[in-house]
């Protein structure tokens, strides 16, 4: 009986991981940040504050063209781990790579 329960639990764990959809920046959900509503990609991690001019300029230089002051920044769940690894290895182009892949971006307030 124990073996059957463990086998079933293992199957559910594996099938749960395999059934996770790929991150899609075009599928959005509404999230509130600083009392304003933003359409953020589903599953993305939004910044907890409105982006500063310096942050917006950095994202624009990285290839996120739709950034403007008053937006929030967001990143795909996998982006932070890749940024951390890039910092350790000295990869200064990680944000450009992530922008090209659609793994980081900006969201404007909903109208």
PDB file of N, CA and C in Angstrom:
ATOM      1  N   UNK A   1       0.828  -1.189   0.000  1.00  0.00           N
ATOM      2  CA  UNK A   1       0.000   0.000   0.000  1.00  0.00           C
ATOM      3  C   UNK A   1       0.872   1.253   0.000  1.00  0.00           C
ATOM      4  N   UNK A   2       1.897   1.272   0.866  1.00  0.00           N
ATOM      5  CA  UNK A   2       2.789   2.419   0.927  1.00  0.00           C
ATOM      6  C   UNK A   2       3.456   2.662  -0.416  1.00  0.00           C
ATOM      7  N   UNK A   3       3.864   1.573  -1.039  1.00  0.00           N
ATOM      8  CA  UNK A   3       4.547   1.673  -2.327  1.00  0.00           C
ATOM      9  C   UNK A   3       3.618   2.268  -3.390  1.00  0.00           C
ATOM     10  N   UNK A   4       2.353   1.871  -3.375  1.00  0.00           N
ATOM     11  CA  UNK A   4       1.372   2.391  -4.325  1.00  0.00           C
ATOM     12  C   UNK A   4       1.164   3.887  -4.115  1.00  0.00           C
ATOM     13  N   UNK A   5       1.046   4.314  -2.873  1.00  0.00           N
ATOM     14  CA  UNK A   5       0.858   5.731  -2.558  1.00  0.00           C
ATOM     15  C   UNK A   5       2.069   6.537  -3.029  1.00  0.00           C
ATOM     16  N   UNK A   6       3.283   6.027  -2.778  1.00  0.00           N
ATOM     17  CA  UNK A   6       4.491   6.723  -3.225  1.00  0.00           C
ATOM     18  C   UNK A   6       4.570   6.791  -4.745  1.00  0.00           C
ATOM     19  N   UNK A   7       4.181   5.711  -5.399  1.00  0.00           N
ATOM     20  CA  UNK A   7       4.188   5.684  -6.859  1.00  0.00           C
ATOM     21  C   UNK A   7       3.214   6.711  -7.424  1.00  0.00           C
ATOM     22  N   UNK A   8       2.019   6.778  -6.861  1.00  0.00           N
ATOM     23  CA  UNK A   8       1.011   7.737  -7.318  1.00  0.00           C
ATOM     24  C   UNK A   8       1.490   9.169  -7.060  1.00  0.00           C
ATOM     25  N   UNK A   9       2.054   9.412  -5.895  1.00  0.00           N
ATOM     26  CA  UNK A   9       2.571  10.742  -5.573  1.00  0.00           C
ATOM     27  C   UNK A   9       3.675  11.142  -6.547  1.00  0.00           C
ATOM     28  N   UNK A  10       4.542  10.202  -6.883  1.00  0.00           N
ATOM     29  CA  UNK A  10       5.615  10.471  -7.847  1.00  0.00           C
ATOM     30  C   UNK A  10       5.083  10.805  -9.226  1.00  0.00           C
ATOM     31  N   UNK A  11       4.073  10.077  -9.655  1.00  0.00           N
ATOM     32  CA  UNK A  11       3.465  10.342 -10.968  1.00  0.00           C
ATOM     33  C   UNK A  11       2.844  11.729 -10.997  1.00  0.00           C
ATOM     34  N   UNK A  12       2.130  12.109  -9.934  1.00  0.00           N
ATOM     35  CA  UNK A  12       1.530  13.441  -9.887  1.00  0.00           C
ATOM     36  C   UNK A  12       2.600  14.522  -9.863  1.00  0.00           C
ATOM     37  N   UNK A  13       3.664  14.308  -9.143  1.00  0.00           N
ATOM     38  CA  UNK A  13       4.741  15.300  -9.088  1.00  0.00           C
ATOM     39  C   UNK A  13       5.363  15.499 -10.460  1.00  0.00           C
ATOM     40  N   UNK A  14       5.633  14.417 -11.161  1.00  0.00           N
ATOM     41  CA  UNK A  14       6.233  14.509 -12.484  1.00  0.00           C
ATOM     42  C   UNK A  14       5.260  15.132 -13.470  1.00  0.00           C
ATOM     43  N   UNK A  15       4.012  14.691 -13.461  1.00  0.00           N
ATOM     44  CA  UNK A  15       3.042  15.234 -14.414  1.00  0.00           C
ATOM     45  C   UNK A  15       2.753  16.691 -14.121  1.00  0.00           C
ATOM     46  N   UNK A  16       2.821  17.100 -12.871  1.00  0.00           N
ATOM     47  CA  UNK A  16       2.616  18.509 -12.525  1.00  0.00           C
ATOM     48  C   UNK A  16       3.703  19.382 -13.100  1.00  0.00           C
ATOM     49  N   UNK A  17       4.932  18.911 -13.050  1.00  0.00           N
ATOM     50  CA  UNK A  17       6.050  19.674 -13.608  1.00  0.00           C
ATOM     51  C   UNK A  17       5.975  19.720 -15.128  1.00  0.00           C
ATOM     52  N   UNK A  18       5.592  18.624 -15.726  1.00  0.00           N
ATOM     53  CA  UNK A  18       5.543  18.562 -17.177  1.00  0.00           C
ATOM     54  C   UNK A  18       4.379  19.371 -17.736  1.00  0.00           C
ATOM     55  N   UNK A  19       3.342  19.601 -16.945  1.00  0.00           N
ATOM     56  CA  UNK A  19       2.173  20.303 -17.418  1.00  0.00           C
ATOM     57  C   UNK A  19       2.258  21.808 -17.280  1.00  0.00           C
ATOM     58  N   UNK A  20       3.359  22.327 -16.752  1.00  0.00           N
ATOM     59  CA  UNK A  20       3.489  23.764 -16.579  1.00  0.00           C
ATOM     60  C   UNK A  20       3.663  24.438 -17.933  1.00  0.00           C
ATOM     61  N   UNK A  21       2.855  25.468 -18.220  1.00  0.00           N
ATOM     62  CA  UNK A  21       2.991  26.148 -19.504  1.00  0.00           C
ATOM     63  C   UNK A  21       4.261  26.985 -19.562  1.00  0.00           C
ATOM     64  N   UNK A  22       4.764  27.179 -20.762  1.00  0.00           N
ATOM     65  CA  UNK A  22       5.917  28.039 -20.994  1.00  0.00           C
ATOM     66  C   UNK A  22       5.501  29.479 -20.683  1.00  0.00           C
ATOM     67  N   UNK A  23       6.411  30.282 -20.133  1.00  0.00           N
ATOM     68  CA  UNK A  23       6.131  31.687 -19.833  1.00  0.00           C
ATOM     69  C   UNK A  23       5.812  32.425 -21.129  1.00  0.00           C
ATOM     70  N   UNK A  24       4.714  33.163 -21.137  1.00  0.00           N
ATOM     71  CA  UNK A  24       4.293  33.919 -22.314  1.00  0.00           C
ATOM     72  C   UNK A  24       4.035  35.366 -21.898  1.00  0.00           C
ATOM     73  N   UNK A  25       4.887  36.318 -22.321  1.00  0.00           N
ATOM     74  CA  UNK A  25       4.704  37.710 -21.905  1.00  0.00           C
ATOM     75  C   UNK A  25       3.451  38.364 -22.485  1.00  0.00           C
ATOM     76  N   UNK A  26       2.793  37.715 -23.444  1.00  0.00           N
ATOM     77  CA  UNK A  26       1.591  38.290 -24.055  1.00  0.00           C
ATOM     78  C   UNK A  26       0.307  37.938 -23.309  1.00  0.00           C
ATOM     79  N   UNK A  27       0.378  36.995 -22.386  1.00  0.00           N
ATOM     80  CA  UNK A  27      -0.773  36.638 -21.557  1.00  0.00           C
ATOM     81  C   UNK A  27      -0.629  37.398 -20.254  1.00  0.00           C
ATOM     82  N   UNK A  28      -1.554  38.318 -19.985  1.00  0.00           N
ATOM     83  CA  UNK A  28      -1.390  39.203 -18.834  1.00  0.00           C
ATOM     84  C   UNK A  28      -2.511  39.053 -17.815  1.00  0.00           C
ATOM     85  N   UNK A  29      -2.225  39.592 -16.645  1.00  0.00           N
ATOM     86  CA  UNK A  29      -3.216  39.680 -15.572  1.00  0.00           C
ATOM     87  C   UNK A  29      -3.026  41.033 -14.897  1.00  0.00           C
ATOM     88  N   UNK A  30      -4.069  41.530 -14.267  1.00  0.00           N
ATOM     89  CA  UNK A  30      -4.007  42.835 -13.610  1.00  0.00           C
ATOM     90  C   UNK A  30      -3.416  42.670 -12.217  1.00  0.00           C
ATOM     91  N   UNK A  31      -2.409  43.511 -11.913  1.00  0.00           N
ATOM     92  CA  UNK A  31      -1.803  43.517 -10.579  1.00  0.00           C
ATOM     93  C   UNK A  31      -1.707  44.962 -10.105  1.00  0.00           C
ATOM     94  N   UNK A  32      -1.849  45.159  -8.804  1.00  0.00           N
ATOM     95  CA  UNK A  32      -1.767  46.496  -8.219  1.00  0.00           C
ATOM     96  C   UNK A  32      -0.375  46.738  -7.656  1.00  0.00           C
ATOM     97  N   UNK A  33       0.184  47.888  -7.994  1.00  0.00           N
ATOM     98  CA  UNK A  33       1.475  48.325  -7.456  1.00  0.00           C
ATOM     99  C   UNK A  33       1.347  49.808  -7.143  1.00  0.00           C
ATOM    100  N   UNK A  34       1.686  50.196  -5.941  1.00  0.00           N
ATOM    101  CA  UNK A  34       1.583  51.595  -5.502  1.00  0.00           C
ATOM    102  C   UNK A  34       0.198  52.181  -5.759  1.00  0.00           C
ATOM    103  N   UNK A  35      -0.850  51.372  -5.586  1.00  0.00           N
ATOM    104  CA  UNK A  35      -2.217  51.843  -5.741  1.00  0.00           C
ATOM    105  C   UNK A  35      -2.679  52.007  -7.177  1.00  0.00           C
ATOM    106  N   UNK A  36      -1.860  51.582  -8.145  1.00  0.00           N
ATOM    107  CA  UNK A  36      -2.239  51.657  -9.555  1.00  0.00           C
ATOM    108  C   UNK A  36      -2.325  50.249 -10.124  1.00  0.00           C
ATOM    109  N   UNK A  37      -3.144  50.068 -11.157  1.00  0.00           N
ATOM    110  CA  UNK A  37      -3.314  48.763 -11.786  1.00  0.00           C
ATOM    111  C   UNK A  37      -2.453  48.661 -13.040  1.00  0.00           C
ATOM    112  N   UNK A  38      -1.812  47.502 -13.202  1.00  0.00           N
ATOM    113  CA  UNK A  38      -0.934  47.246 -14.336  1.00  0.00           C
ATOM    114  C   UNK A  38      -1.270  45.885 -14.934  1.00  0.00           C
ATOM    115  N   UNK A  39      -1.193  45.769 -16.259  1.00  0.00           N
ATOM    116  CA  UNK A  39      -1.314  44.469 -16.929  1.00  0.00           C
ATOM    117  C   UNK A  39       0.084  43.876 -17.010  1.00  0.00           C
ATOM    118  N   UNK A  40       0.324  42.878 -16.191  1.00  0.00           N
ATOM    119  CA  UNK A  40       1.633  42.235 -16.071  1.00  0.00           C
ATOM    120  C   UNK A  40       1.515  40.817 -16.626  1.00  0.00           C
ATOM    121  N   UNK A  41       2.526  40.328 -17.331  1.00  0.00           N
ATOM    122  CA  UNK A  41       2.457  38.949 -17.819  1.00  0.00           C
ATOM    123  C   UNK A  41       2.144  37.963 -16.687  1.00  0.00           C
ATOM    124  N   UNK A  42       1.254  37.032 -16.972  1.00  0.00           N
ATOM    125  CA  UNK A  42       0.868  36.034 -15.987  1.00  0.00           C
ATOM    126  C   UNK A  42       2.100  35.244 -15.531  1.00  0.00           C
ATOM    127  N   UNK A  43       2.302  35.205 -14.235  1.00  0.00           N
ATOM    128  CA  UNK A  43       3.440  34.494 -13.663  1.00  0.00           C
ATOM    129  C   UNK A  43       4.681  35.348 -13.496  1.00  0.00           C
ATOM    130  N   UNK A  44       4.677  36.560 -14.075  1.00  0.00           N
ATOM    131  CA  UNK A  44       5.843  37.438 -13.954  1.00  0.00           C
ATOM    132  C   UNK A  44       5.908  38.025 -12.547  1.00  0.00           C
ATOM    133  N   UNK A  45       7.102  38.435 -12.166  1.00  0.00           N
ATOM    134  CA  UNK A  45       7.322  39.050 -10.863  1.00  0.00           C
ATOM    135  C   UNK A  45       7.454  40.551 -11.089  1.00  0.00           C
ATOM    136  N   UNK A  46       6.457  41.345 -10.641  1.00  0.00           N
ATOM    137  CA  UNK A  46       6.542  42.793 -10.844  1.00  0.00           C
ATOM    138  C   UNK A  46       7.422  43.461  -9.796  1.00  0.00           C
ATOM    139  N   UNK A  47       7.998  44.594 -10.173  1.00  0.00           N
ATOM    140  CA  UNK A  47       8.746  45.363  -9.187  1.00  0.00           C
ATOM    141  C   UNK A  47       7.744  45.923  -8.175  1.00  0.00           C
ATOM    142  N   UNK A  48       8.172  46.117  -6.940  1.00  0.00           N
ATOM    143  CA  UNK A  48       7.231  46.587  -5.915  1.00  0.00           C
ATOM    144  C   UNK A  48       7.040  48.105  -5.923  1.00  0.00           C
ATOM    145  N   UNK A  49       7.613  48.781  -6.919  1.00  0.00           N
ATOM    146  CA  UNK A  49       7.528  50.246  -6.980  1.00  0.00           C
ATOM    147  C   UNK A  49       7.507  50.718  -8.434  1.00  0.00           C
ATOM    148  N   UNK A  50       7.127  51.961  -8.629  1.00  0.00           N
ATOM    149  CA  UNK A  50       7.155  52.576  -9.952  1.00  0.00           C
ATOM    150  C   UNK A  50       8.626  52.741 -10.340  1.00  0.00           C
ATOM    151  N   UNK A  51       8.945  52.427 -11.579  1.00  0.00           N
ATOM    152  CA  UNK A  51      10.337  52.481 -12.045  1.00  0.00           C
ATOM    153  C   UNK A  51      10.868  53.917 -12.027  1.00  0.00           C
ATOM    154  N   UNK A  52      12.111  54.039 -11.618  1.00  0.00           N
ATOM    155  CA  UNK A  52      12.773  55.339 -11.645  1.00  0.00           C
ATOM    156  C   UNK A  52      13.240  55.636 -13.068  1.00  0.00           C
ATOM    157  N   UNK A  53      13.580  56.892 -13.323  1.00  0.00           N
ATOM    158  CA  UNK A  53      14.091  57.267 -14.650  1.00  0.00           C
ATOM    159  C   UNK A  53      15.344  56.456 -14.977  1.00  0.00           C
ATOM    160  N   UNK A  54      16.205  56.259 -13.979  1.00  0.00           N
ATOM    161  CA  UNK A  54      17.438  55.490 -14.183  1.00  0.00           C
ATOM    162  C   UNK A  54      17.126  54.048 -14.588  1.00  0.00           C
ATOM    163  N   UNK A  55      16.146  53.425 -13.929  1.00  0.00           N
ATOM    164  CA  UNK A  55      15.755  52.047 -14.264  1.00  0.00           C
ATOM    165  C   UNK A  55      15.153  51.971 -15.667  1.00  0.00           C
ATOM    166  N   UNK A  56      14.304  52.934 -16.000  1.00  0.00           N
ATOM    167  CA  UNK A  56      13.683  52.962 -17.333  1.00  0.00           C
ATOM    168  C   UNK A  56      14.760  53.111 -18.404  1.00  0.00           C
ATOM    169  N   UNK A  57      15.692  54.030 -18.188  1.00  0.00           N
ATOM    170  CA  UNK A  57      16.776  54.235 -19.157  1.00  0.00           C
ATOM    171  C   UNK A  57      17.607  52.959 -19.327  1.00  0.00           C
ATOM    172  N   UNK A  58      17.897  52.262 -18.231  1.00  0.00           N
ATOM    173  CA  UNK A  58      18.666  51.021 -18.297  1.00  0.00           C
ATOM    174  C   UNK A  58      17.915  49.970 -19.106  1.00  0.00           C
ATOM    175  N   UNK A  59      16.618  49.814 -18.844  1.00  0.00           N
ATOM    176  CA  UNK A  59      15.830  48.825 -19.582  1.00  0.00           C
ATOM    177  C   UNK A  59      15.755  49.178 -21.063  1.00  0.00           C
ATOM    178  N   UNK A  60      15.625  50.466 -21.378  1.00  0.00           N
ATOM    179  CA  UNK A  60      15.595  50.881 -22.787  1.00  0.00           C
ATOM    180  C   UNK A  60      16.913  50.544 -23.471  1.00  0.00           C
ATOM    181  N   UNK A  61      18.040  50.805 -22.795  1.00  0.00           N
ATOM    182  CA  UNK A  61      19.356  50.464 -23.362  1.00  0.00           C
ATOM    183  C   UNK A  61      19.510  48.954 -23.523  1.00  0.00           C
ATOM    184  N   UNK A  62      18.793  48.204 -22.706  1.00  0.00           N
ATOM    185  CA  UNK A  62      18.854  46.737 -22.779  1.00  0.00           C
ATOM    186  C   UNK A  62      17.969  46.173 -23.889  1.00  0.00           C
ATOM    187  N   UNK A  63      17.123  47.011 -24.469  1.00  0.00           N
ATOM    188  CA  UNK A  63      16.285  46.545 -25.572  1.00  0.00           C
ATOM    189  C   UNK A  63      14.796  46.480 -25.278  1.00  0.00           C
ATOM    190  N   UNK A  64      14.393  46.931 -24.098  1.00  0.00           N
ATOM    191  CA  UNK A  64      12.961  46.980 -23.775  1.00  0.00           C
ATOM    192  C   UNK A  64      12.475  48.362 -24.201  1.00  0.00           C
ATOM    193  N   UNK A  65      11.951  48.449 -25.402  1.00  0.00           N
ATOM    194  CA  UNK A  65      11.663  49.748 -26.005  1.00  0.00           C
ATOM    195  C   UNK A  65      10.412  50.436 -25.482  1.00  0.00           C
ATOM    196  N   UNK A  66       9.467  49.678 -24.933  1.00  0.00           N
ATOM    197  CA  UNK A  66       8.204  50.288 -24.517  1.00  0.00           C
ATOM    198  C   UNK A  66       8.234  50.842 -23.093  1.00  0.00           C
ATOM    199  N   UNK A  67       9.383  50.962 -22.479  1.00  0.00           N
ATOM    200  CA  UNK A  67       9.487  51.472 -21.111  1.00  0.00           C
ATOM    201  C   UNK A  67       9.333  52.988 -21.079  1.00  0.00           C
ATOM    202  N   UNK A  68       8.615  53.459 -20.077  1.00  0.00           N
ATOM    203  CA  UNK A  68       8.518  54.901 -19.862  1.00  0.00           C
ATOM    204  C   UNK A  68       8.375  55.175 -18.370  1.00  0.00           C
ATOM    205  N   UNK A  69       8.693  56.392 -17.979  1.00  0.00           N
ATOM    206  CA  UNK A  69       8.585  56.764 -16.574  1.00  0.00           C
ATOM    207  C   UNK A  69       7.134  56.593 -16.128  1.00  0.00           C
ATOM    208  N   UNK A  70       6.910  55.991 -14.974  1.00  0.00           N
ATOM    209  CA  UNK A  70       5.577  55.707 -14.468  1.00  0.00           C
ATOM    210  C   UNK A  70       5.195  54.247 -14.633  1.00  0.00           C
ATOM    211  N   UNK A  71       6.012  53.505 -15.385  1.00  0.00           N
ATOM    212  CA  UNK A  71       5.788  52.064 -15.560  1.00  0.00           C
ATOM    213  C   UNK A  71       6.342  51.297 -14.358  1.00  0.00           C
ATOM    214  N   UNK A  72       6.025  50.014 -14.328  1.00  0.00           N
ATOM    215  CA  UNK A  72       6.715  49.109 -13.412  1.00  0.00           C
ATOM    216  C   UNK A  72       7.530  48.149 -14.270  1.00  0.00           C
ATOM    217  N   UNK A  73       8.539  47.569 -13.675  1.00  0.00           N
ATOM    218  CA  UNK A  73       9.360  46.569 -14.344  1.00  0.00           C
ATOM    219  C   UNK A  73       8.845  45.197 -13.931  1.00  0.00           C
ATOM    220  N   UNK A  74       9.022  44.219 -14.794  1.00  0.00           N
ATOM    221  CA  UNK A  74       8.649  42.837 -14.456  1.00  0.00           C
ATOM    222  C   UNK A  74       9.695  41.901 -15.035  1.00  0.00           C
ATOM    223  N   UNK A  75       9.736  40.714 -14.467  1.00  0.00           N
ATOM    224  CA  UNK A  75      10.642  39.683 -14.986  1.00  0.00           C
ATOM    225  C   UNK A  75       9.979  38.319 -14.877  1.00  0.00           C
ATOM    226  N   UNK A  76      10.320  37.457 -15.815  1.00  0.00           N
ATOM    227  CA  UNK A  76       9.844  36.078 -15.776  1.00  0.00           C
ATOM    228  C   UNK A  76      10.456  35.396 -14.556  1.00  0.00           C
ATOM    229  N   UNK A  77       9.791  34.385 -14.016  1.00  0.00           N
ATOM    230  CA  UNK A  77      10.317  33.697 -12.835  1.00  0.00           C
ATOM    231  C   UNK A  77      11.748  33.183 -13.000  1.00  0.00           C
ATOM    232  N   UNK A  78      12.114  32.776 -14.196  1.00  0.00           N
ATOM    233  CA  UNK A  78      13.460  32.238 -14.425  1.00  0.00           C
ATOM    234  C   UNK A  78      14.525  33.329 -14.577  1.00  0.00           C
ATOM    235  N   UNK A  79      14.112  34.564 -14.751  1.00  0.00           N
ATOM    236  CA  UNK A  79      15.069  35.633 -15.041  1.00  0.00           C
ATOM    237  C   UNK A  79      16.010  35.925 -13.874  1.00  0.00           C
ATOM    238  N   UNK A  80      15.499  35.960 -12.661  1.00  0.00           N
ATOM    239  CA  UNK A  80      16.341  36.332 -11.524  1.00  0.00           C
ATOM    240  C   UNK A  80      17.490  35.348 -11.335  1.00  0.00           C
ATOM    241  N   UNK A  81      17.223  34.063 -11.482  1.00  0.00           N
ATOM    242  CA  UNK A  81      18.285  33.061 -11.356  1.00  0.00           C
ATOM    243  C   UNK A  81      19.346  33.289 -12.433  1.00  0.00           C
ATOM    244  N   UNK A  82      18.910  33.585 -13.650  1.00  0.00           N
ATOM    245  CA  UNK A  82      19.858  33.825 -14.740  1.00  0.00           C
ATOM    246  C   UNK A  82      20.660  35.099 -14.512  1.00  0.00           C
ATOM    247  N   UNK A  83      20.031  36.124 -13.936  1.00  0.00           N
ATOM    248  CA  UNK A  83      20.743  37.364 -13.620  1.00  0.00           C
ATOM    249  C   UNK A  83      21.787  37.088 -12.544  1.00  0.00           C
ATOM    250  N   UNK A  84      21.404  36.349 -11.510  1.00  0.00           N
ATOM    251  CA  UNK A  84      22.348  36.009 -10.440  1.00  0.00           C
ATOM    252  C   UNK A  84      23.552  35.243 -10.991  1.00  0.00           C
ATOM    253  N   UNK A  85      23.298  34.279 -11.882  1.00  0.00           N
ATOM    254  CA  UNK A  85      24.390  33.509 -12.485  1.00  0.00           C
ATOM    255  C   UNK A  85      25.277  34.410 -13.343  1.00  0.00           C
ATOM    256  N   UNK A  86      24.662  35.333 -14.076  1.00  0.00           N
ATOM    257  CA  UNK A  86      25.419  36.248 -14.938  1.00  0.00           C
ATOM    258  C   UNK A  86      26.317  37.167 -14.118  1.00  0.00           C
ATOM    259  N   UNK A  87      25.827  37.621 -12.986  1.00  0.00           N
ATOM    260  CA  UNK A  87      26.637  38.479 -12.113  1.00  0.00           C
ATOM    261  C   UNK A  87      27.865  37.711 -11.637  1.00  0.00           C
ATOM    262  N   UNK A  88      27.673  36.444 -11.266  1.00  0.00           N
ATOM    263  CA  UNK A  88      28.791  35.622 -10.787  1.00  0.00           C
ATOM    264  C   UNK A  88      29.839  35.391 -11.867  1.00  0.00           C
ATOM    265  N   UNK A  89      29.392  35.276 -13.117  1.00  0.00           N
ATOM    266  CA  UNK A  89      30.332  34.985 -14.207  1.00  0.00           C
ATOM    267  C   UNK A  89      30.800  36.236 -14.953  1.00  0.00           C
ATOM    268  N   UNK A  90      30.256  37.397 -14.578  1.00  0.00           N
ATOM    269  CA  UNK A  90      30.677  38.640 -15.217  1.00  0.00           C
ATOM    270  C   UNK A  90      29.994  38.928 -16.541  1.00  0.00           C
ATOM    271  N   UNK A  91      28.860  38.274 -16.815  1.00  0.00           N
ATOM    272  CA  UNK A  91      28.110  38.509 -18.050  1.00  0.00           C
ATOM    273  C   UNK A  91      27.331  39.811 -17.923  1.00  0.00           C
ATOM    274  N   UNK A  92      27.791  40.852 -18.596  1.00  0.00           N
ATOM    275  CA  UNK A  92      27.135  42.158 -18.500  1.00  0.00           C
ATOM    276  C   UNK A  92      26.002  42.330 -19.505  1.00  0.00           C
ATOM    277  N   UNK A  93      25.807  41.366 -20.382  1.00  0.00           N
ATOM    278  CA  UNK A  93      24.763  41.467 -21.404  1.00  0.00           C
ATOM    279  C   UNK A  93      23.502  40.685 -21.073  1.00  0.00           C
ATOM    280  N   UNK A  94      23.372  40.211 -19.844  1.00  0.00           N
ATOM    281  CA  UNK A  94      22.237  39.355 -19.506  1.00  0.00           C
ATOM    282  C   UNK A  94      20.905  40.060 -19.711  1.00  0.00           C
ATOM    283  N   UNK A  95      20.804  41.336 -19.382  1.00  0.00           N
ATOM    284  CA  UNK A  95      19.528  42.038 -19.551  1.00  0.00           C
ATOM    285  C   UNK A  95      19.161  42.169 -21.031  1.00  0.00           C
ATOM    286  N   UNK A  96      20.159  42.353 -21.883  1.00  0.00           N
ATOM    287  CA  UNK A  96      19.890  42.402 -23.329  1.00  0.00           C
ATOM    288  C   UNK A  96      19.365  41.053 -23.814  1.00  0.00           C
ATOM    289  N   UNK A  97      19.967  39.981 -23.325  1.00  0.00           N
ATOM    290  CA  UNK A  97      19.529  38.632 -23.690  1.00  0.00           C
ATOM    291  C   UNK A  97      18.100  38.385 -23.216  1.00  0.00           C
ATOM    292  N   UNK A  98      17.826  38.728 -21.966  1.00  0.00           N
ATOM    293  CA  UNK A  98      16.487  38.510 -21.404  1.00  0.00           C
ATOM    294  C   UNK A  98      15.432  39.367 -22.111  1.00  0.00           C
ATOM    295  N   UNK A  99      15.806  40.592 -22.476  1.00  0.00           N
ATOM    296  CA  UNK A  99      14.870  41.462 -23.201  1.00  0.00           C
ATOM    297  C   UNK A  99      14.531  40.863 -24.559  1.00  0.00           C
ATOM    298  N   UNK A 100      15.547  40.364 -25.246  1.00  0.00           N
ATOM    299  CA  UNK A 100      15.344  39.762 -26.569  1.00  0.00           C
ATOM    300  C   UNK A 100      14.439  38.536 -26.466  1.00  0.00           C
ATOM    301  N   UNK A 101      14.570  37.783 -25.371  1.00  0.00           N
ATOM    302  CA  UNK A 101      13.759  36.576 -25.155  1.00  0.00           C
ATOM    303  C   UNK A 101      12.365  36.884 -24.598  1.00  0.00           C
ATOM    304  N   UNK A 102      12.091  38.156 -24.260  1.00  0.00           N
ATOM    305  CA  UNK A 102      10.794  38.510 -23.668  1.00  0.00           C
ATOM    306  C   UNK A 102      10.661  38.101 -22.231  1.00  0.00           C
ATOM    307  N   UNK A 103      11.787  37.981 -21.521  1.00  0.00           N
ATOM    308  CA  UNK A 103      11.760  37.537 -20.117  1.00  0.00           C
ATOM    309  C   UNK A 103      11.788  38.697 -19.131  1.00  0.00           C
ATOM    310  N   UNK A 104      12.028  39.931 -19.612  1.00  0.00           N
ATOM    311  CA  UNK A 104      11.929  41.121 -18.783  1.00  0.00           C
ATOM    312  C   UNK A 104      11.182  42.179 -19.583  1.00  0.00           C
ATOM    313  N   UNK A 105      10.570  43.114 -18.885  1.00  0.00           N
ATOM    314  CA  UNK A 105       9.850  44.162 -19.590  1.00  0.00           C
ATOM    315  C   UNK A 105       9.264  45.189 -18.652  1.00  0.00           C
ATOM    316  N   UNK A 106       8.446  46.046 -19.220  1.00  0.00           N
ATOM    317  CA  UNK A 106       7.779  47.111 -18.477  1.00  0.00           C
ATOM    318  C   UNK A 106       6.280  47.004 -18.703  1.00  0.00           C
ATOM    319  N   UNK A 107       5.519  47.499 -17.743  1.00  0.00           N
ATOM    320  CA  UNK A 107       4.067  47.543 -17.875  1.00  0.00           C
ATOM    321  C   UNK A 107       3.599  48.931 -17.478  1.00  0.00           C
ATOM    322  N   UNK A 108       2.783  49.521 -18.319  1.00  0.00           N
ATOM    323  CA  UNK A 108       2.222  50.855 -18.042  1.00  0.00           C
ATOM    324  C   UNK A 108       0.954  50.704 -17.229  1.00  0.00           C
ATOM    325  N   UNK A 109       0.589  51.768 -16.499  1.00  0.00           N
ATOM    326  CA  UNK A 109      -0.671  51.702 -15.731  1.00  0.00           C
ATOM    327  C   UNK A 109      -1.860  51.459 -16.660  1.00  0.00           C
ATOM    328  N   UNK A 110      -2.824  50.693 -16.198  1.00  0.00           N
ATOM    329  CA  UNK A 110      -4.042  50.447 -16.974  1.00  0.00           C
ATOM    330  C   UNK A 110      -4.862  51.734 -17.018  1.00  0.00           C
ATOM    331  N   UNK A 111      -5.500  51.944 -18.125  1.00  0.00           N
ATOM    332  CA  UNK A 111      -6.313  53.164 -18.291  1.00  0.00           C
ATOM    333  C   UNK A 111      -7.709  52.916 -17.787  1.00  0.00           C
TER     334      UNK A 111
END
